[in-house]
């Protein structure tokens, strides 16, 4: 029995990753899982994309990024301004996320496998749909 990854249905994921190679791998995985992907290298670029487009279903962002805003700050701002749900990615476990914020976001630890990515993304998207139905 194989662990078949949870699949997407063409939802639009905004991937924010400052390391090109890591972003390329994550984008390839998301594409293989059936998602459409937009890329941003930092929070400033991501916020511009969010502001310009109304078709983003989920923000997938690294926590540690260059610039004045980290991924946690980006996720909070995106949630406040557009209601966008986020999955945070980190290689630093809970040390990268203030303890009072850990419960507010879905977190995916690096390195991750495609099935883990698929399950976390699908769960976040499905939770958003359930919240919108209430």
Protein backbone atom coordinates (compact mmCIF):
# COMPACT_ATOMS: atom_id res chain seq x y z
CA UNK A 1 0.00 0.00 0.00
CA UNK A 2 1.44 3.37 -1.01
CA UNK A 3 0.89 6.74 0.58
CA UNK A 4 -0.92 8.47 -2.26
CA UNK A 5 -0.58 12.25 -1.80
CA UNK A 6 -3.69 14.34 -1.40
CA UNK A 7 -4.33 16.00 -4.75
CA UNK A 8 -5.27 19.48 -5.77
CA UNK A 9 -8.03 20.58 -8.10
CA UNK A 10 -6.22 23.41 -9.84
CA UNK A 11 -6.26 25.73 -6.83
CA UNK A 12 -3.86 28.66 -6.98
CA UNK A 13 -1.01 28.52 -4.45
CA UNK A 14 1.25 31.51 -3.83
CA UNK A 15 4.66 30.06 -2.96
CA UNK A 16 7.02 32.41 -1.15
CA UNK A 17 10.59 31.11 -0.93
CA UNK A 18 13.80 33.13 -1.17
CA UNK A 19 16.04 30.16 -2.02
CA UNK A 20 15.51 29.46 -5.72
CA UNK A 21 16.41 25.76 -5.58
CA UNK A 22 14.07 25.08 -2.66
CA UNK A 23 11.31 27.04 -4.40
CA UNK A 24 11.86 25.10 -7.63
CA UNK A 25 11.48 21.77 -5.81
CA UNK A 26 8.37 22.90 -3.95
CA UNK A 27 6.86 24.29 -7.17
CA UNK A 28 7.52 20.99 -8.98
CA UNK A 29 5.83 19.08 -6.15
CA UNK A 30 2.82 21.39 -6.12
CA UNK A 31 2.51 21.15 -9.89
CA UNK A 32 2.67 17.34 -9.72
CA UNK A 33 -0.05 17.42 -7.05
CA UNK A 34 -2.40 19.34 -9.34
CA UNK A 35 -2.02 22.91 -8.10
CA UNK A 36 -1.32 26.09 -10.03
CA UNK A 37 1.61 28.02 -8.58
CA UNK A 38 2.62 31.67 -8.41
CA UNK A 39 6.06 32.48 -7.03
CA UNK A 40 7.42 35.31 -4.91
CA UNK A 41 10.93 35.67 -3.49
CA UNK A 42 9.99 37.76 -0.46
CA UNK A 43 7.09 39.18 1.52
CA UNK A 44 7.00 42.49 -0.35
CA UNK A 45 6.63 40.74 -3.70
CA UNK A 46 4.04 38.36 -2.23
CA UNK A 47 1.90 41.21 -0.88
CA UNK A 48 1.94 42.89 -4.30
CA UNK A 49 0.77 39.66 -5.94
CA UNK A 50 -1.97 39.18 -3.34
CA UNK A 51 -3.14 42.76 -3.89
CA UNK A 52 -3.15 42.42 -7.69
CA UNK A 53 -4.84 39.02 -7.96
CA UNK A 54 -8.08 37.72 -6.57
CA UNK A 55 -7.57 34.07 -7.48
CA UNK A 56 -5.10 32.93 -4.80
CA UNK A 57 -6.47 30.10 -2.69
CA UNK A 58 -3.56 29.58 -0.28
CA UNK A 59 -0.28 31.14 0.79
CA UNK A 60 2.64 28.72 1.25
CA UNK A 61 5.51 30.67 2.75
CA UNK A 62 8.88 30.03 4.28
CA UNK A 63 9.19 31.69 7.66
CA UNK A 64 12.81 32.87 7.52
CA UNK A 65 13.22 35.33 4.66
CA UNK A 66 15.31 38.41 3.94
CA UNK A 67 13.76 41.81 4.33
CA UNK A 68 11.77 43.53 7.01
CA UNK A 69 8.92 41.00 7.08
CA UNK A 70 9.23 37.29 7.81
CA UNK A 71 6.78 34.59 6.72
CA UNK A 72 4.79 34.71 9.95
CA UNK A 73 4.28 38.47 9.57
CA UNK A 74 3.36 37.95 5.91
CA UNK A 75 0.81 35.27 6.81
CA UNK A 76 -0.79 37.51 9.46
CA UNK A 77 -0.97 40.48 7.10
CA UNK A 78 -2.38 38.38 4.24
CA UNK A 79 -5.00 36.92 6.61
CA UNK A 80 -5.98 40.36 7.95
CA UNK A 81 -6.16 42.09 4.57
CA UNK A 82 -7.57 39.37 2.32
CA UNK A 83 -8.66 36.48 4.53
CA UNK A 84 -6.04 34.29 2.86
CA UNK A 85 -5.17 31.09 4.70
CA UNK A 86 -1.47 30.22 5.03
CA UNK A 87 0.79 27.25 5.55
CA UNK A 88 4.15 28.17 7.04
CA UNK A 89 7.28 26.22 6.15
CA UNK A 90 10.33 26.06 8.39
CA UNK A 91 13.40 24.02 9.08
CA UNK A 92 13.62 25.43 12.60
CA UNK A 93 10.60 23.71 14.18
CA UNK A 94 8.80 25.72 16.85
CA UNK A 95 11.78 28.05 17.50
CA UNK A 96 10.95 30.05 14.36
CA UNK A 97 7.37 30.71 15.36
CA UNK A 98 6.40 32.61 18.49
CA UNK A 99 4.51 30.18 20.72
CA UNK A 100 1.34 32.28 20.71
CA UNK A 101 1.26 32.10 16.88
CA UNK A 102 1.97 28.38 16.53
CA UNK A 103 -1.72 27.47 16.90
CA UNK A 104 -2.87 30.09 14.38
CA UNK A 105 -1.11 28.58 11.37
CA UNK A 106 -0.61 25.26 9.68
CA UNK A 107 3.10 24.45 9.80
CA UNK A 108 5.12 22.16 7.56
CA UNK A 109 8.62 21.19 8.68
CA UNK A 110 11.52 20.96 6.24
CA UNK A 111 12.57 18.69 4.75
CA UNK A 112 9.17 17.42 3.65
CA UNK A 113 8.03 14.72 1.29
CA UNK A 114 5.49 15.28 -1.47
CA UNK A 115 2.82 13.30 0.39
CA UNK A 116 3.32 15.50 3.49
CA UNK A 117 3.07 18.66 1.39
CA UNK A 118 -0.06 17.36 -0.34
CA UNK A 119 -1.75 16.43 2.91
CA UNK A 120 -0.95 19.76 4.59
CA UNK A 121 -2.08 21.85 1.61
CA UNK A 122 -5.27 19.83 1.11
CA UNK A 123 -6.12 20.02 4.83
CA UNK A 124 -5.63 23.81 4.85
CA UNK A 125 -7.76 24.30 1.74
CA UNK A 126 -10.49 22.00 3.03
CA UNK A 127 -10.51 23.78 6.42
CA UNK A 128 -10.97 27.08 4.60
CA UNK A 129 -13.93 25.66 2.66
CA UNK A 130 -15.52 24.34 5.87
CA UNK A 131 -15.01 27.71 7.59
CA UNK A 132 -16.62 29.50 4.63
CA UNK A 133 -19.62 27.17 4.75
CA UNK A 134 -20.37 28.00 8.39
